[in-house]
Amino acid sequence: MVADTLIEIDDLGIGFDVSAPLISRLLTGQRRKLLKAVDGVTFTIERGQTFALVGESGCGKSTLARLVVGLYRPSMGRVAIDGTDLARLKTRAELAPLRRRMQMIFQDPYASLNPRWRVRDIIAEPIRTHKLLSDELDIRLRVDELLGQVSLTPEDGAKFPHAFSGGQRQRISIARALASEPEFLVLDEPTSALDVSVQAQILNLMKDLQKSLGLTYLFISHNLAVIYHVADKVGVMYLGRLVELAATDALFAHPRHPYTKLLLDTVPDIDMTGRARQPVIGEVPNPIDPPTGCAFHPRCPHADQRCRTERPSLLAAAGNLVACHAVEEGRL
């Protein structure tokens, strides 16, 4: 492990049994069906940096996020924070110190907040759970401080979540996440449910907090324009696997994988350069019955027989890591 690496994801995967009930399978002769939502994903996140995952809906981004914070137990591979493998920690007492260091901010801020609790109780819950403070006055002062960090006021602590706008609710979610004094935050499309102007405010807030508190982010989004402004490194996912991994500037300037190129063609060309664009064609295949070989080959204009039969591995290509036979063979 590199000294400044905080998070290690090594060959991570999970499958979900989506088979019909046993009696139905016996009567119809069906086999068990396994959906591989995440399949052999490997990357690291450096301390203080933002690693972004992008891809179409259904590619496994959110499932991977839940694996990283321990909400799902992986079927294969490992997740480690500072070298400690989460899978080796079995009891709540063993997991508690690491869980305090990792928090998650969800896509829908209203659904992630208890509508029956006042905001001050929502934010104070992690403080009480992890026993960071015991005196109620100290907890109250800490909650007021957290509200100020996200540009809300102490008076807002007496209100219920329904009294706030979407952007304000997301600020409450951020304050709750910060209450346990974490090092690592997983942001699962934190701005996709917000208006564009509010999105910018939340993104700027997250960047300011990262600088002032030294936070490390795993940022999940399908919005490449947002990713370009917030991420240091980007992983492109397709059908549960990474197809390209690169520094943000390198990925946007010189994308190598055909899928990455098609995704970038969906970003509006504000400068109106007039460059040729190729829109993303087709639909994401059924993950229960994925294509053989490269999963992207049914939609790829450069696919050949090898692509249809042999699954590519992530290999270095001009500074990027790319899983593509066409790139490996020099056809792209």
C-alpha atoms as a PDB file:
ATOM      1  CA  MET A   1       0.000   0.000   0.000  1.00  0.00           C
ATOM      2  CA  VAL A   2       1.311   3.463  -0.909  1.00  0.00           C
ATOM      3  CA  ALA A   3       1.852   5.658   2.168  1.00  0.00           C
ATOM      4  CA  ASP A   4      -0.758   8.283   1.214  1.00  0.00           C
ATOM      5  CA  THR A   5      -3.410   5.799   0.046  1.00  0.00           C
ATOM      6  CA  LEU A   6      -6.497   5.895   2.262  1.00  0.00           C
ATOM      7  CA  ILE A   7      -8.902   3.529   0.467  1.00  0.00           C
ATOM      8  CA  GLU A   8      -7.991   0.302  -1.347  1.00  0.00           C
ATOM      9  CA  ILE A   9     -10.517  -1.541  -3.509  1.00  0.00           C
ATOM     10  CA  ASP A  10      -9.125  -4.879  -4.696  1.00  0.00           C
ATOM     11  CA  ASP A  11     -10.996  -7.202  -7.113  1.00  0.00           C
ATOM     12  CA  LEU A  12     -14.278  -6.190  -5.481  1.00  0.00           C
ATOM     13  CA  GLY A  13     -17.500  -7.888  -6.533  1.00  0.00           C
ATOM     14  CA  ILE A  14     -20.995  -8.809  -5.421  1.00  0.00           C
ATOM     15  CA  GLY A  15     -23.750 -10.930  -6.903  1.00  0.00           C
ATOM     16  CA  PHE A  16     -27.455 -11.007  -6.080  1.00  0.00           C
ATOM     17  CA  ASP A  17     -29.600 -14.114  -6.426  1.00  0.00           C
ATOM     18  CA  VAL A  18     -32.561 -13.118  -8.633  1.00  0.00           C
ATOM     19  CA  SER A  19     -33.813 -16.654  -9.248  1.00  0.00           C
ATOM     20  CA  ALA A  20     -37.464 -17.591  -9.316  1.00  0.00           C
ATOM     21  CA  PRO A  21     -38.782 -19.417  -6.218  1.00  0.00           C
ATOM     22  CA  LEU A  22     -37.541 -22.990  -5.816  1.00  0.00           C
ATOM     23  CA  ILE A  23     -40.896 -24.607  -6.650  1.00  0.00           C
ATOM     24  CA  SER A  24     -41.209 -22.571  -9.856  1.00  0.00           C
ATOM     25  CA  ARG A  25     -37.688 -23.572 -10.885  1.00  0.00           C
ATOM     26  CA  LEU A  26     -38.419 -27.245 -10.240  1.00  0.00           C
ATOM     27  CA  LEU A  27     -41.648 -27.132 -12.274  1.00  0.00           C
ATOM     28  CA  THR A  28     -40.188 -25.211 -15.206  1.00  0.00           C
ATOM     29  CA  GLY A  29     -36.635 -26.531 -15.166  1.00  0.00           C
ATOM     30  CA  GLN A  30     -35.128 -23.088 -14.734  1.00  0.00           C
ATOM     31  CA  ARG A  31     -31.656 -22.622 -13.336  1.00  0.00           C
ATOM     32  CA  ARG A  32     -30.649 -20.210 -10.612  1.00  0.00           C
ATOM     33  CA  LYS A  33     -29.874 -16.701 -11.878  1.00  0.00           C
ATOM     34  CA  LEU A  34     -27.141 -14.504 -10.431  1.00  0.00           C
ATOM     35  CA  LEU A  35     -26.901 -10.778 -11.136  1.00  0.00           C
ATOM     36  CA  LYS A  36     -23.284  -9.595 -10.909  1.00  0.00           C
ATOM     37  CA  ALA A  37     -23.806  -5.962  -9.959  1.00  0.00           C
ATOM     38  CA  VAL A  38     -20.077  -5.343  -9.368  1.00  0.00           C
ATOM     39  CA  ASP A  39     -17.498  -7.638 -10.934  1.00  0.00           C
ATOM     40  CA  GLY A  40     -13.790  -7.443 -10.157  1.00  0.00           C
ATOM     41  CA  VAL A  41     -13.301  -3.692  -9.583  1.00  0.00           C
ATOM     42  CA  THR A  42      -9.871  -2.489  -8.425  1.00  0.00           C
ATOM     43  CA  PHE A  43      -8.689   1.055  -7.629  1.00  0.00           C
ATOM     44  CA  THR A  44      -7.232   3.176  -4.841  1.00  0.00           C
ATOM     45  CA  ILE A  45      -8.121   6.607  -3.471  1.00  0.00           C
ATOM     46  CA  GLU A  46      -5.376   8.880  -2.218  1.00  0.00           C
ATOM     47  CA  ARG A  47      -5.825  10.808   1.000  1.00  0.00           C
ATOM     48  CA  GLY A  48      -7.347  14.251   0.403  1.00  0.00           C
ATOM     49  CA  GLN A  49      -8.359  13.527  -3.203  1.00  0.00           C
ATOM     50  CA  THR A  50     -11.663  13.031  -5.012  1.00  0.00           C
ATOM     51  CA  PHE A  51     -12.135   9.815  -6.982  1.00  0.00           C
ATOM     52  CA  ALA A  52     -15.176   9.849  -9.278  1.00  0.00           C
ATOM     53  CA  LEU A  53     -17.158   6.963 -10.728  1.00  0.00           C
ATOM     54  CA  VAL A  54     -19.210   7.630 -13.862  1.00  0.00           C
ATOM     55  CA  GLY A  55     -21.424   5.552 -16.093  1.00  0.00           C
ATOM     56  CA  GLU A  56     -24.995   5.060 -17.228  1.00  0.00           C
ATOM     57  CA  SER A  57     -27.752   4.098 -14.804  1.00  0.00           C
ATOM     58  CA  GLY A  58     -27.538   0.436 -13.874  1.00  0.00           C
ATOM     59  CA  CYS A  59     -23.768   0.111 -14.270  1.00  0.00           C
ATOM     60  CA  GLY A  60     -23.195  -0.659 -10.566  1.00  0.00           C
ATOM     61  CA  LYS A  61     -21.982   2.710  -9.233  1.00  0.00           C
ATOM     62  CA  SER A  62     -24.335   2.928  -6.258  1.00  0.00           C
ATOM     63  CA  THR A  63     -23.888  -0.754  -5.406  1.00  0.00           C
ATOM     64  CA  LEU A  64     -20.133  -0.206  -5.332  1.00  0.00           C
ATOM     65  CA  ALA A  65     -20.638   2.783  -3.029  1.00  0.00           C
ATOM     66  CA  ARG A  66     -22.596   0.643  -0.584  1.00  0.00           C
ATOM     67  CA  LEU A  67     -19.886  -2.019  -0.693  1.00  0.00           C
ATOM     68  CA  VAL A  68     -17.228   0.562   0.125  1.00  0.00           C
ATOM     69  CA  VAL A  69     -18.999   1.828   3.266  1.00  0.00           C
ATOM     70  CA  GLY A  70     -19.965  -1.666   4.412  1.00  0.00           C
ATOM     71  CA  LEU A  71     -23.715  -1.555   3.761  1.00  0.00           C
ATOM     72  CA  TYR A  72     -23.252  -4.661   1.574  1.00  0.00           C
ATOM     73  CA  ARG A  73     -20.825  -7.499   2.233  1.00  0.00           C
ATOM     74  CA  PRO A  74     -18.833  -8.358  -0.905  1.00  0.00           C
ATOM     75  CA  SER A  75     -18.995 -11.756  -2.583  1.00  0.00           C
ATOM     76  CA  MET A  76     -15.345 -11.385  -3.590  1.00  0.00           C
ATOM     77  CA  GLY A  77     -12.416  -9.018  -3.132  1.00  0.00           C
ATOM     78  CA  ARG A  78     -11.731  -6.559  -0.342  1.00  0.00           C
ATOM     79  CA  VAL A  79     -12.243  -2.994   0.844  1.00  0.00           C
ATOM     80  CA  ALA A  80      -9.536  -1.588   3.103  1.00  0.00           C
ATOM     81  CA  ILE A  81      -9.150   1.734   4.878  1.00  0.00           C
ATOM     82  CA  ASP A  82      -5.586   2.504   5.979  1.00  0.00           C
ATOM     83  CA  GLY A  83      -4.760  -1.147   5.292  1.00  0.00           C
ATOM     84  CA  THR A  84      -7.546  -2.581   7.478  1.00  0.00           C
ATOM     85  CA  ASP A  85      -9.796  -5.009   5.587  1.00  0.00           C
ATOM     86  CA  LEU A  86     -13.449  -4.348   6.504  1.00  0.00           C
ATOM     87  CA  ALA A  87     -14.400  -7.990   5.853  1.00  0.00           C
ATOM     88  CA  ARG A  88     -12.151  -9.157   8.687  1.00  0.00           C
ATOM     89  CA  LEU A  89     -14.083  -7.101  11.226  1.00  0.00           C
ATOM     90  CA  LYS A  90     -17.062  -9.185  12.323  1.00  0.00           C
ATOM     91  CA  THR A  91     -18.553  -7.487  15.385  1.00  0.00           C
ATOM     92  CA  ARG A  92     -20.117  -4.066  15.832  1.00  0.00           C
ATOM     93  CA  ALA A  93     -17.449  -3.148  18.362  1.00  0.00           C
ATOM     94  CA  GLU A  94     -14.709  -3.887  15.816  1.00  0.00           C
ATOM     95  CA  LEU A  95     -16.474  -2.027  13.001  1.00  0.00           C
ATOM     96  CA  ALA A  96     -17.497   1.075  14.985  1.00  0.00           C
ATOM     97  CA  PRO A  97     -14.137   2.938  14.818  1.00  0.00           C
ATOM     98  CA  LEU A  98     -13.930   2.469  11.033  1.00  0.00           C
ATOM     99  CA  ARG A  99     -17.598   3.289  10.458  1.00  0.00           C
ATOM    100  CA  ARG A 100     -17.054   6.604  12.227  1.00  0.00           C
ATOM    101  CA  ARG A 101     -14.288   7.425   9.735  1.00  0.00           C
ATOM    102  CA  MET A 102     -16.544   6.758   6.705  1.00  0.00           C
ATOM    103  CA  GLN A 103     -19.879   8.427   5.973  1.00  0.00           C
ATOM    104  CA  MET A 104     -22.262   8.499   3.016  1.00  0.00           C
ATOM    105  CA  ILE A 105     -24.388  11.274   1.505  1.00  0.00           C
ATOM    106  CA  PHE A 106     -27.309  10.010  -0.557  1.00  0.00           C
ATOM    107  CA  GLN A 107     -28.978  11.212  -3.737  1.00  0.00           C
ATOM    108  CA  ASP A 108     -32.362  12.118  -2.223  1.00  0.00           C
ATOM    109  CA  PRO A 109     -31.808  14.275   0.868  1.00  0.00           C
ATOM    110  CA  TYR A 110     -35.451  14.125   1.981  1.00  0.00           C
ATOM    111  CA  ALA A 111     -35.622  10.324   1.885  1.00  0.00           C
ATOM    112  CA  SER A 112     -32.410  10.060   3.927  1.00  0.00           C
ATOM    113  CA  LEU A 113     -33.663  12.324   6.762  1.00  0.00           C
ATOM    114  CA  ASN A 114     -36.085  11.167   9.446  1.00  0.00           C
ATOM    115  CA  PRO A 115     -39.199  13.360   8.902  1.00  0.00           C
ATOM    116  CA  ARG A 116     -40.249  12.974  12.567  1.00  0.00           C
ATOM    117  CA  TRP A 117     -37.004  14.288  14.019  1.00  0.00           C
ATOM    118  CA  ARG A 118     -35.934  17.867  14.389  1.00  0.00           C
ATOM    119  CA  VAL A 119     -32.801  18.818  12.511  1.00  0.00           C
ATOM    120  CA  ARG A 120     -30.726  19.178  15.694  1.00  0.00           C
ATOM    121  CA  ASP A 121     -31.554  15.580  16.678  1.00  0.00           C
ATOM    122  CA  ILE A 122     -30.720  14.297  13.182  1.00  0.00           C
ATOM    123  CA  ILE A 123     -27.291  15.921  13.275  1.00  0.00           C
ATOM    124  CA  ALA A 124     -26.655  14.944  16.902  1.00  0.00           C
ATOM    125  CA  GLU A 125     -27.379  11.246  16.315  1.00  0.00           C
ATOM    126  CA  PRO A 126     -23.839  10.323  15.095  1.00  0.00           C
ATOM    127  CA  ILE A 127     -22.313  12.267  17.997  1.00  0.00           C
ATOM    128  CA  ARG A 128     -24.355  10.265  20.502  1.00  0.00           C
ATOM    129  CA  THR A 129     -23.952   6.955  18.670  1.00  0.00           C
ATOM    130  CA  HIS A 130     -20.152   7.178  18.575  1.00  0.00           C
ATOM    131  CA  LYS A 131     -20.016   8.758  22.053  1.00  0.00           C
ATOM    132  CA  LEU A 132     -17.954  11.703  20.804  1.00  0.00           C
ATOM    133  CA  LEU A 133     -19.554  13.995  23.404  1.00  0.00           C
ATOM    134  CA  SER A 134     -21.608  13.200  26.492  1.00  0.00           C
ATOM    135  CA  ASP A 135     -22.734  16.562  27.850  1.00  0.00           C
ATOM    136  CA  GLU A 136     -25.947  17.779  26.190  1.00  0.00           C
ATOM    137  CA  LEU A 137     -24.787  21.396  26.160  1.00  0.00           C
ATOM    138  CA  ASP A 138     -21.591  20.398  24.353  1.00  0.00           C
ATOM    139  CA  ILE A 139     -23.637  18.404  21.853  1.00  0.00           C
ATOM    140  CA  ARG A 140     -25.920  21.388  21.276  1.00  0.00           C
ATOM    141  CA  LEU A 141     -22.932  23.670  20.674  1.00  0.00           C
ATOM    142  CA  ARG A 142     -21.364  21.143  18.297  1.00  0.00           C
ATOM    143  CA  VAL A 143     -24.620  20.865  16.313  1.00  0.00           C
ATOM    144  CA  ASP A 144     -24.785  24.668  16.047  1.00  0.00           C
ATOM    145  CA  GLU A 145     -21.179  24.667  14.783  1.00  0.00           C
ATOM    146  CA  LEU A 146     -21.992  22.032  12.149  1.00  0.00           C
ATOM    147  CA  LEU A 147     -25.028  23.991  10.966  1.00  0.00           C
ATOM    148  CA  GLY A 148     -22.790  27.019  10.542  1.00  0.00           C
ATOM    149  CA  GLN A 149     -20.280  24.985   8.512  1.00  0.00           C
ATOM    150  CA  VAL A 150     -22.977  24.228   5.929  1.00  0.00           C
ATOM    151  CA  SER A 151     -24.333  27.823   5.888  1.00  0.00           C
ATOM    152  CA  LEU A 152     -27.401  27.212   8.044  1.00  0.00           C
ATOM    153  CA  THR A 153     -28.243  28.860  11.363  1.00  0.00           C
ATOM    154  CA  PRO A 154     -28.648  27.438  14.896  1.00  0.00           C
ATOM    155  CA  GLU A 155     -32.337  28.375  14.707  1.00  0.00           C
ATOM    156  CA  ASP A 156     -32.724  25.900  11.824  1.00  0.00           C
ATOM    157  CA  GLY A 157     -31.997  23.088  14.275  1.00  0.00           C
ATOM    158  CA  ALA A 158     -35.467  23.442  15.799  1.00  0.00           C
ATOM    159  CA  LYS A 159     -37.233  22.791  12.467  1.00  0.00           C
ATOM    160  CA  PHE A 160     -38.280  19.575  10.761  1.00  0.00           C
ATOM    161  CA  PRO A 161     -36.871  18.466   7.340  1.00  0.00           C
ATOM    162  CA  HIS A 162     -40.087  19.324   5.463  1.00  0.00           C
ATOM    163  CA  ALA A 163     -39.548  23.024   6.254  1.00  0.00           C
ATOM    164  CA  PHE A 164     -36.461  23.201   4.020  1.00  0.00           C
ATOM    165  CA  SER A 165     -35.763  23.303   0.294  1.00  0.00           C
ATOM    166  CA  GLY A 166     -33.927  20.476  -1.472  1.00  0.00           C
ATOM    167  CA  GLY A 167     -30.584  22.249  -1.305  1.00  0.00           C
ATOM    168  CA  GLN A 168     -31.010  23.018   2.400  1.00  0.00           C
ATOM    169  CA  ARG A 169     -31.914  19.386   3.119  1.00  0.00           C
ATOM    170  CA  GLN A 170     -28.726  18.281   1.404  1.00  0.00           C
ATOM    171  CA  ARG A 171     -26.812  20.733   3.604  1.00  0.00           C
ATOM    172  CA  ILE A 172     -28.413  19.035   6.622  1.00  0.00           C
ATOM    173  CA  SER A 173     -27.293  15.649   5.267  1.00  0.00           C
ATOM    174  CA  ILE A 174     -23.758  16.984   4.895  1.00  0.00           C
ATOM    175  CA  ALA A 175     -23.797  18.349   8.464  1.00  0.00           C
ATOM    176  CA  ARG A 176     -24.974  14.965   9.749  1.00  0.00           C
ATOM    177  CA  ALA A 177     -22.182  13.220   7.822  1.00  0.00           C
ATOM    178  CA  LEU A 178     -19.593  15.593   9.296  1.00  0.00           C
ATOM    179  CA  ALA A 179     -20.874  15.071  12.840  1.00  0.00           C
ATOM    180  CA  SER A 180     -18.833  11.876  13.321  1.00  0.00           C
ATOM    181  CA  GLU A 181     -15.652  13.691  12.217  1.00  0.00           C
ATOM    182  CA  PRO A 182     -14.998  11.370   9.250  1.00  0.00           C
ATOM    183  CA  GLU A 183     -11.997  11.227   6.936  1.00  0.00           C
ATOM    184  CA  PHE A 184     -13.795   9.676   3.968  1.00  0.00           C
ATOM    185  CA  LEU A 185     -17.155  10.586   2.408  1.00  0.00           C
ATOM    186  CA  VAL A 186     -19.034   8.654  -0.276  1.00  0.00           C
ATOM    187  CA  LEU A 187     -21.209  11.044  -2.289  1.00  0.00           C
ATOM    188  CA  ASP A 188     -23.841   9.103  -4.252  1.00  0.00           C
ATOM    189  CA  GLU A 189     -25.095  11.595  -6.863  1.00  0.00           C
ATOM    190  CA  PRO A 190     -25.515  14.285  -4.178  1.00  0.00           C
ATOM    191  CA  THR A 191     -26.690  17.009  -6.583  1.00  0.00           C
ATOM    192  CA  SER A 192     -28.744  15.152  -9.211  1.00  0.00           C
ATOM    193  CA  ALA A 193     -32.054  15.891  -7.439  1.00  0.00           C
ATOM    194  CA  LEU A 194     -31.311  19.638  -7.157  1.00  0.00           C
ATOM    195  CA  ASP A 195     -31.731  22.657  -9.417  1.00  0.00           C
ATOM    196  CA  VAL A 196     -28.663  23.661 -11.436  1.00  0.00           C
ATOM    197  CA  SER A 197     -27.957  26.817  -9.410  1.00  0.00           C
ATOM    198  CA  VAL A 198     -28.292  24.878  -6.151  1.00  0.00           C
ATOM    199  CA  GLN A 199     -26.034  22.137  -7.523  1.00  0.00           C
ATOM    200  CA  ALA A 200     -23.227  24.665  -7.912  1.00  0.00           C
ATOM    201  CA  GLN A 201     -23.680  25.857  -4.328  1.00  0.00           C
ATOM    202  CA  ILE A 202     -23.512  22.317  -2.917  1.00  0.00           C
ATOM    203  CA  LEU A 203     -20.484  21.400  -5.045  1.00  0.00           C
ATOM    204  CA  ASN A 204     -18.641  24.540  -3.947  1.00  0.00           C
ATOM    205  CA  LEU A 205     -19.521  23.757  -0.330  1.00  0.00           C
ATOM    206  CA  MET A 206     -18.134  20.220  -0.686  1.00  0.00           C
ATOM    207  CA  LYS A 207     -14.892  21.510  -2.202  1.00  0.00           C
ATOM    208  CA  ASP A 208     -14.483  24.099   0.578  1.00  0.00           C
ATOM    209  CA  LEU A 209     -15.088  21.456   3.256  1.00  0.00           C
ATOM    210  CA  GLN A 210     -12.589  19.130   1.611  1.00  0.00           C
ATOM    211  CA  LYS A 211      -9.895  21.804   1.746  1.00  0.00           C
ATOM    212  CA  SER A 212     -10.614  22.931   5.305  1.00  0.00           C
ATOM    213  CA  LEU A 213     -11.118  19.466   6.839  1.00  0.00           C
ATOM    214  CA  GLY A 214      -8.773  17.384   4.659  1.00  0.00           C
ATOM    215  CA  LEU A 215     -11.557  15.070   3.497  1.00  0.00           C
ATOM    216  CA  THR A 216     -11.290  12.282   0.917  1.00  0.00           C
ATOM    217  CA  TYR A 217     -14.231  11.738  -1.457  1.00  0.00           C
ATOM    218  CA  LEU A 218     -15.655   8.956  -3.581  1.00  0.00           C
ATOM    219  CA  PHE A 219     -17.966  10.945  -5.882  1.00  0.00           C
ATOM    220  CA  ILE A 220     -20.569   9.075  -7.933  1.00  0.00           C
ATOM    221  CA  SER A 221     -22.359  10.745 -10.817  1.00  0.00           C
ATOM    222  CA  HIS A 222     -23.563  10.336 -14.384  1.00  0.00           C
ATOM    223  CA  ASN A 223     -22.941  14.053 -15.031  1.00  0.00           C
ATOM    224  CA  LEU A 224     -19.529  14.353 -16.683  1.00  0.00           C
ATOM    225  CA  ALA A 225     -19.603  18.150 -16.554  1.00  0.00           C
ATOM    226  CA  VAL A 226     -19.807  17.968 -12.752  1.00  0.00           C
ATOM    227  CA  ILE A 227     -17.106  15.300 -12.576  1.00  0.00           C
ATOM    228  CA  TYR A 228     -14.707  17.476 -14.568  1.00  0.00           C
ATOM    229  CA  HIS A 229     -14.852  20.228 -11.929  1.00  0.00           C
ATOM    230  CA  VAL A 230     -14.675  18.117  -8.764  1.00  0.00           C
ATOM    231  CA  ALA A 231     -12.583  14.999  -9.443  1.00  0.00           C
ATOM    232  CA  ASP A 232      -8.845  14.330  -9.374  1.00  0.00           C
ATOM    233  CA  LYS A 233      -9.225  10.856 -10.863  1.00  0.00           C
ATOM    234  CA  VAL A 234     -12.065   9.173 -12.761  1.00  0.00           C
ATOM    235  CA  GLY A 235     -13.156   5.568 -13.175  1.00  0.00           C
ATOM    236  CA  VAL A 236     -15.624   4.761 -15.976  1.00  0.00           C
ATOM    237  CA  MET A 237     -17.939   1.822 -15.196  1.00  0.00           C
ATOM    238  CA  TYR A 238     -19.917  -0.334 -17.579  1.00  0.00           C
ATOM    239  CA  LEU A 239     -22.042  -3.301 -16.506  1.00  0.00           C
ATOM    240  CA  GLY A 240     -20.294  -3.731 -13.169  1.00  0.00           C
ATOM    241  CA  ARG A 241     -16.699  -3.382 -14.383  1.00  0.00           C
ATOM    242  CA  LEU A 242     -14.188  -0.576 -14.830  1.00  0.00           C
ATOM    243  CA  VAL A 243     -13.460   0.051 -18.512  1.00  0.00           C
ATOM    244  CA  GLU A 244     -11.167   3.065 -18.095  1.00  0.00           C
ATOM    245  CA  LEU A 245      -9.269   4.683 -15.235  1.00  0.00           C
ATOM    246  CA  ALA A 246      -7.322   7.939 -15.546  1.00  0.00           C
ATOM    247  CA  ALA A 247      -6.560  11.355 -14.105  1.00  0.00           C
ATOM    248  CA  THR A 248      -9.414  13.763 -14.853  1.00  0.00           C
ATOM    249  CA  ASP A 249      -7.495  16.020 -17.246  1.00  0.00           C
ATOM    250  CA  ALA A 250      -6.120  13.039 -19.174  1.00  0.00           C
ATOM    251  CA  LEU A 251      -9.508  11.351 -19.442  1.00  0.00           C
ATOM    252  CA  PHE A 252     -11.281  14.437 -20.773  1.00  0.00           C
ATOM    253  CA  ALA A 253      -8.462  15.455 -23.108  1.00  0.00           C
ATOM    254  CA  HIS A 254      -7.643  11.994 -24.489  1.00  0.00           C
ATOM    255  CA  PRO A 255     -10.309   9.357 -23.733  1.00  0.00           C
ATOM    256  CA  ARG A 256      -9.230   5.933 -24.972  1.00  0.00           C
ATOM    257  CA  HIS A 257     -12.146   3.519 -24.464  1.00  0.00           C
ATOM    258  CA  PRO A 258     -14.983   3.762 -27.051  1.00  0.00           C
ATOM    259  CA  TYR A 259     -17.551   3.913 -24.255  1.00  0.00           C
ATOM    260  CA  THR A 260     -15.758   6.836 -22.589  1.00  0.00           C
ATOM    261  CA  LYS A 261     -15.664   8.666 -25.923  1.00  0.00           C
ATOM    262  CA  LEU A 262     -19.383   8.135 -26.424  1.00  0.00           C
ATOM    263  CA  LEU A 263     -20.136   9.422 -22.914  1.00  0.00           C
ATOM    264  CA  LEU A 264     -18.045  12.545 -23.497  1.00  0.00           C
ATOM    265  CA  ASP A 265     -19.948  13.199 -26.713  1.00  0.00           C
ATOM    266  CA  THR A 266     -23.081  13.717 -24.593  1.00  0.00           C
ATOM    267  CA  VAL A 267     -21.520  16.739 -22.820  1.00  0.00           C
ATOM    268  CA  PRO A 268     -22.806  19.988 -24.410  1.00  0.00           C
ATOM    269  CA  ASP A 269     -20.226  21.717 -26.623  1.00  0.00           C
ATOM    270  CA  ILE A 270     -20.443  25.226 -25.158  1.00  0.00           C
ATOM    271  CA  ASP A 271     -17.595  26.501 -27.338  1.00  0.00           C
ATOM    272  CA  MET A 272     -19.474  25.302 -30.452  1.00  0.00           C
ATOM    273  CA  THR A 273     -16.338  23.857 -32.030  1.00  0.00           C
ATOM    274  CA  GLY A 274     -18.400  21.934 -34.558  1.00  0.00           C
ATOM    275  CA  ARG A 275     -16.530  18.682 -33.898  1.00  0.00           C
ATOM    276  CA  ALA A 276     -18.177  15.478 -35.041  1.00  0.00           C
ATOM    277  CA  ARG A 277     -20.185  13.641 -32.381  1.00  0.00           C
ATOM    278  CA  GLN A 278     -21.299  10.052 -32.108  1.00  0.00           C
ATOM    279  CA  PRO A 279     -24.204   9.618 -29.682  1.00  0.00           C
ATOM    280  CA  VAL A 280     -24.435   6.592 -27.392  1.00  0.00           C
ATOM    281  CA  ILE A 281     -26.381   3.942 -29.275  1.00  0.00           C
ATOM    282  CA  GLY A 282     -28.386   1.010 -27.946  1.00  0.00           C
ATOM    283  CA  GLU A 283     -29.241   0.107 -24.385  1.00  0.00           C
ATOM    284  CA  VAL A 284     -27.252  -1.319 -21.495  1.00  0.00           C
ATOM    285  CA  PRO A 285     -27.478  -5.150 -21.763  1.00  0.00           C
ATOM    286  CA  ASN A 286     -29.350  -7.210 -19.203  1.00  0.00           C
ATOM    287  CA  PRO A 287     -26.883  -7.730 -16.305  1.00  0.00           C
ATOM    288  CA  ILE A 288     -28.538 -11.074 -15.514  1.00  0.00           C
ATOM    289  CA  ASP A 289     -27.497 -12.344 -18.954  1.00  0.00           C
ATOM    290  CA  PRO A 290     -24.523 -10.180 -19.985  1.00  0.00           C
ATOM    291  CA  PRO A 291     -22.856 -10.483 -23.407  1.00  0.00           C
ATOM    292  CA  THR A 292     -19.866 -12.770 -23.781  1.00  0.00           C
ATOM    293  CA  GLY A 293     -16.424 -11.227 -24.131  1.00  0.00           C
ATOM    294  CA  CYS A 294     -16.386  -7.461 -23.783  1.00  0.00           C
ATOM    295  CA  ALA A 295     -19.738  -6.362 -22.337  1.00  0.00           C
ATOM    296  CA  PHE A 296     -19.698  -3.242 -24.521  1.00  0.00           C
ATOM    297  CA  HIS A 297     -19.235  -5.048 -27.843  1.00  0.00           C
ATOM    298  CA  PRO A 298     -22.958  -5.013 -28.902  1.00  0.00           C
ATOM    299  CA  ARG A 299     -22.821  -1.183 -28.878  1.00  0.00           C
ATOM    300  CA  CYS A 300     -19.216  -0.672 -29.975  1.00  0.00           C
ATOM    301  CA  PRO A 301     -18.467   0.422 -33.569  1.00  0.00           C
ATOM    302  CA  HIS A 302     -14.967  -1.109 -33.320  1.00  0.00           C
ATOM    303  CA  ALA A 303     -15.874  -4.599 -32.050  1.00  0.00           C
ATOM    304  CA  ASP A 304     -14.442  -7.681 -33.776  1.00  0.00           C
ATOM    305  CA  GLN A 305     -14.535 -11.420 -33.112  1.00  0.00           C
ATOM    306  CA  ARG A 306     -12.060 -11.214 -30.238  1.00  0.00           C
ATOM    307  CA  CYS A 307     -14.223  -8.603 -28.533  1.00  0.00           C
ATOM    308  CA  ARG A 308     -17.203 -10.975 -28.740  1.00  0.00           C
ATOM    309  CA  THR A 309     -15.422 -13.907 -27.134  1.00  0.00           C
ATOM    310  CA  GLU A 310     -12.632 -12.633 -24.820  1.00  0.00           C
ATOM    311  CA  ARG A 311     -13.128 -10.257 -21.915  1.00  0.00           C
ATOM    312  CA  PRO A 312     -10.462  -7.514 -21.892  1.00  0.00           C
ATOM    313  CA  SER A 313      -8.362  -6.621 -18.845  1.00  0.00           C
ATOM    314  CA  LEU A 314      -7.375  -3.153 -17.656  1.00  0.00           C
ATOM    315  CA  LEU A 315      -4.040  -2.382 -19.304  1.00  0.00           C
ATOM    316  CA  ALA A 316      -1.900   0.766 -19.395  1.00  0.00           C
ATOM    317  CA  ALA A 317      -2.399   2.867 -22.547  1.00  0.00           C
ATOM    318  CA  ALA A 318      -0.817   6.332 -22.833  1.00  0.00           C
ATOM    319  CA  GLY A 319      -1.175   7.013 -19.110  1.00  0.00           C
ATOM    320  CA  ASN A 320      -4.713   5.640 -18.809  1.00  0.00           C
ATOM    321  CA  LEU A 321      -5.809   2.154 -17.746  1.00  0.00           C
ATOM    322  CA  VAL A 322      -8.126   0.834 -20.459  1.00  0.00           C
ATOM    323  CA  ALA A 323     -10.004  -2.456 -20.878  1.00  0.00           C
ATOM    324  CA  CYS A 324     -10.315  -2.589 -24.670  1.00  0.00           C
ATOM    325  CA  HIS A 325      -8.921  -5.016 -27.263  1.00  0.00           C
ATOM    326  CA  ALA A 326      -9.044  -2.345 -29.991  1.00  0.00           C
ATOM    327  CA  VAL A 327      -6.820  -0.038 -27.913  1.00  0.00           C
ATOM    328  CA  GLU A 328      -4.476  -2.894 -26.990  1.00  0.00           C
ATOM    329  CA  GLU A 329      -4.111  -3.929 -30.669  1.00  0.00           C
ATOM    330  CA  GLY A 330      -3.599  -0.351 -31.845  1.00  0.00           C
ATOM    331  CA  ARG A 331      -6.838  -0.210 -33.840  1.00  0.00           C
ATOM    332  CA  LEU A 332      -7.844   2.904 -31.840  1.00  0.00           C
END
